[in-house]
């Protein structure tokens, strides 16, 4: 009587092991797929939240996109991009290029009460080929948020109290000259010659140059000394056969400033 019972028990254990071996890959696949779908859900929530933050900021700073921006408006636009990018740091999602953070859209104009909206998109990669085949490849996520323009929101709230982390590095200042600078980073020209300058600074994507400041080393800045290009006439003065001018360009973005310099020698 006992011998058949032992054989039946051994047979059952063997069958259970075989069934477990067959089920484990399926269970592991289901677990990874569940993680994938959870990641997609988190991505949708995070993208929607970033869109709301951007639309809220755009609605309360609408004048930064009304007309040709300069000065404070450019700073507010850079602040907007840094604010949205800062909220997307934890999102494992590939943003579009070359413009990952689109500007707010003011379809009805810039009057108070009109809607400003921000629409963000990204491509979300999946961990499992099966989940990717079910969903037809990487998941294209999109989120949109609308806020009514209101320039009186938080009128007494200091801007610094909501400042996002600075995601930009300072630019690397550099500029080109015509005539071209020779060895020793110097331009030699006859006295009274006009020299042309053009900004050639390098900066990270999404961290554009916001301001330019030219110093020609011979008095107050000219009217065009705050643009990306400038020109200036250099004249030999004083004793000797030439006069040297230290021309400097200072460029600034959301991450800081940098200065480049070249010597212009005006020969009498």
C-alpha atoms as a PDB file:
ATOM      1  CA  UNK A   1       0.000   0.000   0.000  1.00  0.00           C
ATOM      2  CA  UNK A   2       2.792   2.472   0.800  1.00  0.00           C
ATOM      3  CA  UNK A   3       4.826   1.923  -2.389  1.00  0.00           C
ATOM      4  CA  UNK A   4       2.171   3.211  -4.816  1.00  0.00           C
ATOM      5  CA  UNK A   5       1.654   6.259  -2.589  1.00  0.00           C
ATOM      6  CA  UNK A   6       5.362   7.151  -2.826  1.00  0.00           C
ATOM      7  CA  UNK A   7       5.318   6.794  -6.611  1.00  0.00           C
ATOM      8  CA  UNK A   8       2.251   9.051  -6.900  1.00  0.00           C
ATOM      9  CA  UNK A   9       3.840  11.723  -4.665  1.00  0.00           C
ATOM     10  CA  UNK A  10       7.082  11.739  -6.665  1.00  0.00           C
ATOM     11  CA  UNK A  11       5.120  11.938  -9.898  1.00  0.00           C
ATOM     12  CA  UNK A  12       3.132  14.936  -8.587  1.00  0.00           C
ATOM     13  CA  UNK A  13       6.280  16.762  -7.498  1.00  0.00           C
ATOM     14  CA  UNK A  14       7.871  16.224 -10.889  1.00  0.00           C
ATOM     15  CA  UNK A  15       4.780  17.455 -12.658  1.00  0.00           C
ATOM     16  CA  UNK A  16       4.663  20.575 -10.458  1.00  0.00           C
ATOM     17  CA  UNK A  17       8.303  21.362 -11.240  1.00  0.00           C
ATOM     18  CA  UNK A  18       7.669  21.048 -14.965  1.00  0.00           C
ATOM     19  CA  UNK A  19       4.626  23.310 -14.735  1.00  0.00           C
ATOM     20  CA  UNK A  20       6.594  25.868 -12.710  1.00  0.00           C
ATOM     21  CA  UNK A  21       9.426  25.822 -15.240  1.00  0.00           C
ATOM     22  CA  UNK A  22       6.894  26.469 -18.013  1.00  0.00           C
ATOM     23  CA  UNK A  23       5.141  29.240 -16.120  1.00  0.00           C
ATOM     24  CA  UNK A  24       8.173  31.192 -14.866  1.00  0.00           C
ATOM     25  CA  UNK A  25       9.091  32.802 -18.229  1.00  0.00           C
ATOM     26  CA  UNK A  26       5.474  33.809 -18.752  1.00  0.00           C
ATOM     27  CA  UNK A  27       5.248  35.282 -15.264  1.00  0.00           C
ATOM     28  CA  UNK A  28       8.518  37.177 -15.766  1.00  0.00           C
ATOM     29  CA  UNK A  29       7.265  38.530 -19.098  1.00  0.00           C
ATOM     30  CA  UNK A  30       3.988  39.637 -17.529  1.00  0.00           C
ATOM     31  CA  UNK A  31       5.899  41.360 -14.737  1.00  0.00           C
ATOM     32  CA  UNK A  32       8.124  43.299 -17.165  1.00  0.00           C
ATOM     33  CA  UNK A  33       5.087  44.244 -19.271  1.00  0.00           C
ATOM     34  CA  UNK A  34       3.349  45.512 -16.136  1.00  0.00           C
ATOM     35  CA  UNK A  35       6.443  47.621 -15.385  1.00  0.00           C
ATOM     36  CA  UNK A  36       6.385  48.927 -18.972  1.00  0.00           C
ATOM     37  CA  UNK A  37       2.751  49.996 -18.781  1.00  0.00           C
ATOM     38  CA  UNK A  38       3.408  51.559 -15.378  1.00  0.00           C
ATOM     39  CA  UNK A  39       6.301  53.551 -16.853  1.00  0.00           C
ATOM     40  CA  UNK A  40       4.061  54.769 -19.680  1.00  0.00           C
ATOM     41  CA  UNK A  41       1.413  55.868 -17.181  1.00  0.00           C
ATOM     42  CA  UNK A  42       4.047  57.732 -15.148  1.00  0.00           C
ATOM     43  CA  UNK A  43       5.301  59.357 -18.360  1.00  0.00           C
ATOM     44  CA  UNK A  44       1.817  60.619 -19.239  1.00  0.00           C
ATOM     45  CA  UNK A  45       1.340  62.095 -15.765  1.00  0.00           C
ATOM     46  CA  UNK A  46       4.787  63.746 -15.742  1.00  0.00           C
ATOM     47  CA  UNK A  47       4.355  65.183 -19.245  1.00  0.00           C
ATOM     48  CA  UNK A  48       0.927  66.558 -18.361  1.00  0.00           C
ATOM     49  CA  UNK A  49       2.315  68.166 -15.219  1.00  0.00           C
ATOM     50  CA  UNK A  50       5.160  69.803 -17.162  1.00  0.00           C
ATOM     51  CA  UNK A  51       2.675  71.135 -19.725  1.00  0.00           C
ATOM     52  CA  UNK A  52       0.571  72.642 -16.935  1.00  0.00           C
ATOM     53  CA  UNK A  53       3.626  74.321 -15.393  1.00  0.00           C
ATOM     54  CA  UNK A  54       4.626  75.776 -18.779  1.00  0.00           C
ATOM     55  CA  UNK A  55       1.114  76.965 -19.657  1.00  0.00           C
ATOM     56  CA  UNK A  56       0.687  78.559 -16.237  1.00  0.00           C
ATOM     57  CA  UNK A  57       3.980  80.454 -16.596  1.00  0.00           C
ATOM     58  CA  UNK A  58       3.166  81.486 -20.177  1.00  0.00           C
ATOM     59  CA  UNK A  59      -0.272  82.763 -19.188  1.00  0.00           C
ATOM     60  CA  UNK A  60       1.156  84.980 -16.435  1.00  0.00           C
ATOM     61  CA  UNK A  61       4.100  86.206 -18.600  1.00  0.00           C
ATOM     62  CA  UNK A  62       2.326  86.533 -21.940  1.00  0.00           C
ATOM     63  CA  UNK A  63       4.127  89.745 -22.888  1.00  0.00           C
ATOM     64  CA  UNK A  64       7.395  87.791 -23.202  1.00  0.00           C
ATOM     65  CA  UNK A  65       6.029  86.304 -26.466  1.00  0.00           C
ATOM     66  CA  UNK A  66       4.142  89.369 -27.716  1.00  0.00           C
ATOM     67  CA  UNK A  67       6.212  90.989 -30.454  1.00  0.00           C
ATOM     68  CA  UNK A  68       9.989  90.925 -30.833  1.00  0.00           C
ATOM     69  CA  UNK A  69      11.491  89.921 -27.464  1.00  0.00           C
ATOM     70  CA  UNK A  70      14.529  91.643 -25.971  1.00  0.00           C
ATOM     71  CA  UNK A  71      16.094  92.072 -22.571  1.00  0.00           C
ATOM     72  CA  UNK A  72      13.680  91.007 -19.819  1.00  0.00           C
ATOM     73  CA  UNK A  73      11.408  89.174 -22.289  1.00  0.00           C
ATOM     74  CA  UNK A  74      14.307  86.958 -23.416  1.00  0.00           C
ATOM     75  CA  UNK A  75      15.144  86.218 -19.775  1.00  0.00           C
ATOM     76  CA  UNK A  76      11.533  85.208 -19.137  1.00  0.00           C
ATOM     77  CA  UNK A  77      11.554  82.915 -22.183  1.00  0.00           C
ATOM     78  CA  UNK A  78      14.769  81.266 -20.966  1.00  0.00           C
ATOM     79  CA  UNK A  79      13.224  80.944 -17.498  1.00  0.00           C
ATOM     80  CA  UNK A  80      10.187  79.236 -19.033  1.00  0.00           C
ATOM     81  CA  UNK A  81      12.342  76.663 -20.875  1.00  0.00           C
ATOM     82  CA  UNK A  82      14.432  75.941 -17.777  1.00  0.00           C
ATOM     83  CA  UNK A  83      11.272  75.591 -15.684  1.00  0.00           C
ATOM     84  CA  UNK A  84       9.701  73.005 -18.006  1.00  0.00           C
ATOM     85  CA  UNK A  85      12.969  71.116 -18.603  1.00  0.00           C
ATOM     86  CA  UNK A  86      13.570  70.973 -14.862  1.00  0.00           C
ATOM     87  CA  UNK A  87      10.211  69.280 -14.364  1.00  0.00           C
ATOM     88  CA  UNK A  88      10.988  66.763 -17.136  1.00  0.00           C
ATOM     89  CA  UNK A  89      14.352  65.666 -15.708  1.00  0.00           C
ATOM     90  CA  UNK A  90      12.909  62.491 -14.169  1.00  0.00           C
ATOM     91  CA  UNK A  91      11.017  61.556 -17.354  1.00  0.00           C
ATOM     92  CA  UNK A  92      12.679  58.735 -19.307  1.00  0.00           C
ATOM     93  CA  UNK A  93      11.365  60.015 -22.600  1.00  0.00           C
ATOM     94  CA  UNK A  94      13.063  61.255 -25.774  1.00  0.00           C
ATOM     95  CA  UNK A  95      12.022  64.832 -26.519  1.00  0.00           C
ATOM     96  CA  UNK A  96      11.848  66.031 -30.135  1.00  0.00           C
ATOM     97  CA  UNK A  97      14.696  67.958 -31.730  1.00  0.00           C
ATOM     98  CA  UNK A  98      15.766  70.648 -32.419  1.00  0.00           C
ATOM     99  CA  UNK A  99      13.085  72.354 -30.288  1.00  0.00           C
ATOM    100  CA  UNK A 100      12.242  70.085 -27.324  1.00  0.00           C
ATOM    101  CA  UNK A 101      10.267  72.753 -25.452  1.00  0.00           C
ATOM    102  CA  UNK A 102       7.878  74.636 -27.771  1.00  0.00           C
ATOM    103  CA  UNK A 103       6.807  78.163 -26.896  1.00  0.00           C
ATOM    104  CA  UNK A 104       3.340  78.737 -25.436  1.00  0.00           C
ATOM    105  CA  UNK A 105       0.659  79.301 -28.068  1.00  0.00           C
ATOM    106  CA  UNK A 106      -1.605  82.358 -27.814  1.00  0.00           C
ATOM    107  CA  UNK A 107      -4.187  81.530 -30.482  1.00  0.00           C
ATOM    108  CA  UNK A 108      -6.683  84.178 -29.346  1.00  0.00           C
ATOM    109  CA  UNK A 109      -4.203  86.976 -28.760  1.00  0.00           C
ATOM    110  CA  UNK A 110      -2.539  88.411 -25.679  1.00  0.00           C
ATOM    111  CA  UNK A 111      -5.441  90.038 -23.840  1.00  0.00           C
ATOM    112  CA  UNK A 112      -6.299  88.949 -20.313  1.00  0.00           C
ATOM    113  CA  UNK A 113      -8.801  86.085 -20.380  1.00  0.00           C
ATOM    114  CA  UNK A 114      -7.556  84.603 -23.668  1.00  0.00           C
ATOM    115  CA  UNK A 115      -6.134  81.094 -23.482  1.00  0.00           C
ATOM    116  CA  UNK A 116      -2.454  80.244 -23.575  1.00  0.00           C
ATOM    117  CA  UNK A 117      -1.612  76.595 -24.110  1.00  0.00           C
ATOM    118  CA  UNK A 118       1.508  74.443 -24.115  1.00  0.00           C
ATOM    119  CA  UNK A 119       1.657  71.107 -25.913  1.00  0.00           C
ATOM    120  CA  UNK A 120       4.561  68.758 -25.187  1.00  0.00           C
ATOM    121  CA  UNK A 121       5.437  65.557 -27.018  1.00  0.00           C
ATOM    122  CA  UNK A 122       7.989  62.791 -26.499  1.00  0.00           C
ATOM    123  CA  UNK A 123       8.779  59.232 -27.582  1.00  0.00           C
ATOM    124  CA  UNK A 124       8.711  56.654 -24.804  1.00  0.00           C
ATOM    125  CA  UNK A 125      10.781  53.486 -25.363  1.00  0.00           C
ATOM    126  CA  UNK A 126       9.537  50.167 -23.951  1.00  0.00           C
ATOM    127  CA  UNK A 127      11.527  47.422 -22.237  1.00  0.00           C
ATOM    128  CA  UNK A 128       9.835  44.386 -23.797  1.00  0.00           C
ATOM    129  CA  UNK A 129       9.497  43.644 -27.528  1.00  0.00           C
ATOM    130  CA  UNK A 130       6.073  42.092 -26.861  1.00  0.00           C
ATOM    131  CA  UNK A 131       4.726  45.292 -25.300  1.00  0.00           C
ATOM    132  CA  UNK A 132       6.262  47.261 -28.138  1.00  0.00           C
ATOM    133  CA  UNK A 133       4.589  45.007 -30.727  1.00  0.00           C
ATOM    134  CA  UNK A 134       1.234  45.293 -28.948  1.00  0.00           C
ATOM    135  CA  UNK A 135       1.455  49.087 -28.912  1.00  0.00           C
ATOM    136  CA  UNK A 136       2.996  49.347 -32.390  1.00  0.00           C
ATOM    137  CA  UNK A 137       6.495  50.487 -31.414  1.00  0.00           C
ATOM    138  CA  UNK A 138       7.714  53.209 -29.043  1.00  0.00           C
ATOM    139  CA  UNK A 139       4.824  55.065 -27.455  1.00  0.00           C
ATOM    140  CA  UNK A 140       4.265  58.628 -28.687  1.00  0.00           C
ATOM    141  CA  UNK A 141       3.168  60.639 -25.671  1.00  0.00           C
ATOM    142  CA  UNK A 142       1.497  64.017 -25.926  1.00  0.00           C
ATOM    143  CA  UNK A 143       0.081  66.365 -23.291  1.00  0.00           C
ATOM    144  CA  UNK A 144      -1.577  69.760 -23.527  1.00  0.00           C
ATOM    145  CA  UNK A 145      -2.538  72.268 -20.849  1.00  0.00           C
ATOM    146  CA  UNK A 146      -4.505  75.530 -21.178  1.00  0.00           C
ATOM    147  CA  UNK A 147      -4.490  78.520 -18.849  1.00  0.00           C
ATOM    148  CA  UNK A 148      -6.248  81.865 -19.158  1.00  0.00           C
ATOM    149  CA  UNK A 149      -3.916  84.855 -19.501  1.00  0.00           C
ATOM    150  CA  UNK A 150      -3.858  86.782 -16.243  1.00  0.00           C
ATOM    151  CA  UNK A 151      -1.102  89.317 -15.667  1.00  0.00           C
ATOM    152  CA  UNK A 152      -2.207  89.886 -12.070  1.00  0.00           C
ATOM    153  CA  UNK A 153      -1.505  86.344 -10.818  1.00  0.00           C
ATOM    154  CA  UNK A 154       0.677  86.472  -7.689  1.00  0.00           C
ATOM    155  CA  UNK A 155       1.564  90.163  -8.216  1.00  0.00           C
ATOM    156  CA  UNK A 156       3.517  90.297  -4.937  1.00  0.00           C
ATOM    157  CA  UNK A 157       5.355  86.996  -5.350  1.00  0.00           C
ATOM    158  CA  UNK A 158       9.091  87.546  -5.935  1.00  0.00           C
ATOM    159  CA  UNK A 159      10.303  85.846  -9.094  1.00  0.00           C
ATOM    160  CA  UNK A 160      13.272  84.398  -7.222  1.00  0.00           C
ATOM    161  CA  UNK A 161      10.965  82.364  -4.971  1.00  0.00           C
ATOM    162  CA  UNK A 162       9.967  80.130  -7.918  1.00  0.00           C
ATOM    163  CA  UNK A 163      13.332  80.082  -9.646  1.00  0.00           C
ATOM    164  CA  UNK A 164      14.004  76.618 -11.167  1.00  0.00           C
ATOM    165  CA  UNK A 165      17.400  74.926 -11.003  1.00  0.00           C
ATOM    166  CA  UNK A 166      19.813  76.387 -13.542  1.00  0.00           C
ATOM    167  CA  UNK A 167      20.210  73.813 -16.314  1.00  0.00           C
ATOM    168  CA  UNK A 168      22.423  75.927 -18.579  1.00  0.00           C
ATOM    169  CA  UNK A 169      26.191  76.269 -18.639  1.00  0.00           C
ATOM    170  CA  UNK A 170      27.726  79.657 -19.469  1.00  0.00           C
ATOM    171  CA  UNK A 171      28.542  80.203 -23.150  1.00  0.00           C
ATOM    172  CA  UNK A 172      32.062  80.151 -24.563  1.00  0.00           C
ATOM    173  CA  UNK A 173      32.588  83.650 -25.954  1.00  0.00           C
ATOM    174  CA  UNK A 174      34.188  83.978 -29.387  1.00  0.00           C
ATOM    175  CA  UNK A 175      33.826  86.374 -32.313  1.00  0.00           C
ATOM    176  CA  UNK A 176      34.994  86.761 -35.914  1.00  0.00           C
ATOM    177  CA  UNK A 177      36.515  89.884 -37.452  1.00  0.00           C
ATOM    178  CA  UNK A 178      36.765  91.376 -40.933  1.00  0.00           C
ATOM    179  CA  UNK A 179      39.626  91.838 -41.680  1.00  0.00           C
ATOM    180  CA  UNK A 180      40.485  88.458 -40.192  1.00  0.00           C
ATOM    181  CA  UNK A 181      42.680  88.341 -37.092  1.00  0.00           C
ATOM    182  CA  UNK A 182      46.215  87.057 -37.674  1.00  0.00           C
ATOM    183  CA  UNK A 183      48.627  85.261 -35.358  1.00  0.00           C
ATOM    184  CA  UNK A 184      48.531  86.442 -31.785  1.00  0.00           C
ATOM    185  CA  UNK A 185      44.771  87.153 -32.093  1.00  0.00           C
ATOM    186  CA  UNK A 186      45.432  90.611 -33.538  1.00  0.00           C
ATOM    187  CA  UNK A 187      43.936  92.638 -36.395  1.00  0.00           C
ATOM    188  CA  UNK A 188      46.299  95.104 -38.126  1.00  0.00           C
ATOM    189  CA  UNK A 189      44.556  97.876 -40.095  1.00  0.00           C
ATOM    190  CA  UNK A 190      45.468 101.329 -41.404  1.00  0.00           C
ATOM    191  CA  UNK A 191      44.256 104.186 -39.215  1.00  0.00           C
ATOM    192  CA  UNK A 192      40.637 105.111 -39.981  1.00  0.00           C
ATOM    193  CA  UNK A 193      39.650 101.612 -41.132  1.00  0.00           C
ATOM    194  CA  UNK A 194      36.255 100.178 -40.176  1.00  0.00           C
ATOM    195  CA  UNK A 195      36.473  96.695 -38.649  1.00  0.00           C
ATOM    196  CA  UNK A 196      33.444  94.400 -38.608  1.00  0.00           C
ATOM    197  CA  UNK A 197      32.698  91.994 -35.751  1.00  0.00           C
ATOM    198  CA  UNK A 198      30.301  89.028 -35.544  1.00  0.00           C
ATOM    199  CA  UNK A 199      29.500  86.851 -32.554  1.00  0.00           C
ATOM    200  CA  UNK A 200      30.626  83.213 -32.958  1.00  0.00           C
ATOM    201  CA  UNK A 201      30.105  82.064 -29.371  1.00  0.00           C
ATOM    202  CA  UNK A 202      29.301  78.446 -28.552  1.00  0.00           C
ATOM    203  CA  UNK A 203      26.442  77.469 -26.238  1.00  0.00           C
ATOM    204  CA  UNK A 204      24.399  74.429 -25.268  1.00  0.00           C
ATOM    205  CA  UNK A 205      21.196  73.579 -27.100  1.00  0.00           C
ATOM    206  CA  UNK A 206      18.304  75.291 -25.349  1.00  0.00           C
ATOM    207  CA  UNK A 207      20.586  77.898 -23.728  1.00  0.00           C
ATOM    208  CA  UNK A 208      20.824  80.671 -26.358  1.00  0.00           C
ATOM    209  CA  UNK A 209      22.752  83.903 -26.012  1.00  0.00           C
ATOM    210  CA  UNK A 210      20.499  86.520 -24.412  1.00  0.00           C
ATOM    211  CA  UNK A 211      22.693  89.639 -24.440  1.00  0.00           C
ATOM    212  CA  UNK A 212      25.805  90.943 -26.217  1.00  0.00           C
ATOM    213  CA  UNK A 213      28.063  93.755 -25.014  1.00  0.00           C
ATOM    214  CA  UNK A 214      30.919  95.131 -27.143  1.00  0.00           C
ATOM    215  CA  UNK A 215      33.706  97.283 -25.708  1.00  0.00           C
ATOM    216  CA  UNK A 216      35.939  98.956 -28.327  1.00  0.00           C
ATOM    217  CA  UNK A 217      38.353 100.423 -25.760  1.00  0.00           C
ATOM    218  CA  UNK A 218      38.007 104.018 -26.949  1.00  0.00           C
ATOM    219  CA  UNK A 219      35.101 105.571 -25.058  1.00  0.00           C
ATOM    220  CA  UNK A 220      31.366 105.031 -24.509  1.00  0.00           C
ATOM    221  CA  UNK A 221      29.757 102.059 -26.309  1.00  0.00           C
ATOM    222  CA  UNK A 222      28.258 102.710 -29.733  1.00  0.00           C
ATOM    223  CA  UNK A 223      24.533 102.263 -30.434  1.00  0.00           C
ATOM    224  CA  UNK A 224      25.120  98.854 -32.007  1.00  0.00           C
ATOM    225  CA  UNK A 225      27.236  97.617 -29.091  1.00  0.00           C
ATOM    226  CA  UNK A 226      24.446  95.358 -27.740  1.00  0.00           C
ATOM    227  CA  UNK A 227      23.756  93.275 -30.852  1.00  0.00           C
ATOM    228  CA  UNK A 228      25.305  90.081 -32.210  1.00  0.00           C
ATOM    229  CA  UNK A 229      27.178  92.020 -34.904  1.00  0.00           C
ATOM    230  CA  UNK A 230      28.926  95.371 -34.739  1.00  0.00           C
ATOM    231  CA  UNK A 231      31.393  97.549 -36.610  1.00  0.00           C
ATOM    232  CA  UNK A 232      33.776 100.285 -35.490  1.00  0.00           C
ATOM    233  CA  UNK A 233      36.355 102.652 -36.949  1.00  0.00           C
ATOM    234  CA  UNK A 234      39.768 102.585 -35.287  1.00  0.00           C
ATOM    235  CA  UNK A 235      42.089 105.583 -35.555  1.00  0.00           C
ATOM    236  CA  UNK A 236      45.746 105.901 -34.629  1.00  0.00           C
ATOM    237  CA  UNK A 237      46.250 108.469 -31.875  1.00  0.00           C
ATOM    238  CA  UNK A 238      49.177 109.602 -29.789  1.00  0.00           C
ATOM    239  CA  UNK A 239      52.894 109.047 -30.264  1.00  0.00           C
ATOM    240  CA  UNK A 240      54.396 106.075 -32.063  1.00  0.00           C
ATOM    241  CA  UNK A 241      53.470 104.428 -35.284  1.00  0.00           C
ATOM    242  CA  UNK A 242      50.331 102.598 -34.064  1.00  0.00           C
ATOM    243  CA  UNK A 243      47.631 102.432 -31.408  1.00  0.00           C
ATOM    244  CA  UNK A 244      46.364  99.180 -29.900  1.00  0.00           C
ATOM    245  CA  UNK A 245      42.706  98.706 -28.906  1.00  0.00           C
ATOM    246  CA  UNK A 246      41.549  95.777 -26.760  1.00  0.00           C
ATOM    247  CA  UNK A 247      38.152  94.869 -28.203  1.00  0.00           C
ATOM    248  CA  UNK A 248      36.008  92.725 -25.891  1.00  0.00           C
ATOM    249  CA  UNK A 249      32.734  90.893 -26.394  1.00  0.00           C
ATOM    250  CA  UNK A 250      30.779  89.738 -23.335  1.00  0.00           C
ATOM    251  CA  UNK A 251      27.937  87.281 -24.017  1.00  0.00           C
ATOM    252  CA  UNK A 252      25.355  86.119 -21.487  1.00  0.00           C
ATOM    253  CA  UNK A 253      22.821  83.292 -21.394  1.00  0.00           C
ATOM    254  CA  UNK A 254      20.726  81.752 -18.612  1.00  0.00           C
ATOM    255  CA  UNK A 255      23.844  80.012 -17.237  1.00  0.00           C
ATOM    256  CA  UNK A 256      26.152  83.026 -16.952  1.00  0.00           C
ATOM    257  CA  UNK A 257      28.580  85.161 -18.954  1.00  0.00           C
ATOM    258  CA  UNK A 258      31.909  84.857 -20.749  1.00  0.00           C
ATOM    259  CA  UNK A 259      34.229  87.362 -22.462  1.00  0.00           C
ATOM    260  CA  UNK A 260      36.440  87.092 -25.546  1.00  0.00           C
ATOM    261  CA  UNK A 261      39.078  89.626 -26.605  1.00  0.00           C
ATOM    262  CA  UNK A 262      41.080  90.585 -29.692  1.00  0.00           C
ATOM    263  CA  UNK A 263      43.580  93.371 -30.248  1.00  0.00           C
ATOM    264  CA  UNK A 264      43.015  95.835 -33.083  1.00  0.00           C
ATOM    265  CA  UNK A 265      46.185  97.742 -34.073  1.00  0.00           C
ATOM    266  CA  UNK A 266      45.521 100.965 -35.984  1.00  0.00           C
ATOM    267  CA  UNK A 267      48.703 101.919 -37.841  1.00  0.00           C
ATOM    268  CA  UNK A 268      49.388 105.565 -38.693  1.00  0.00           C
END
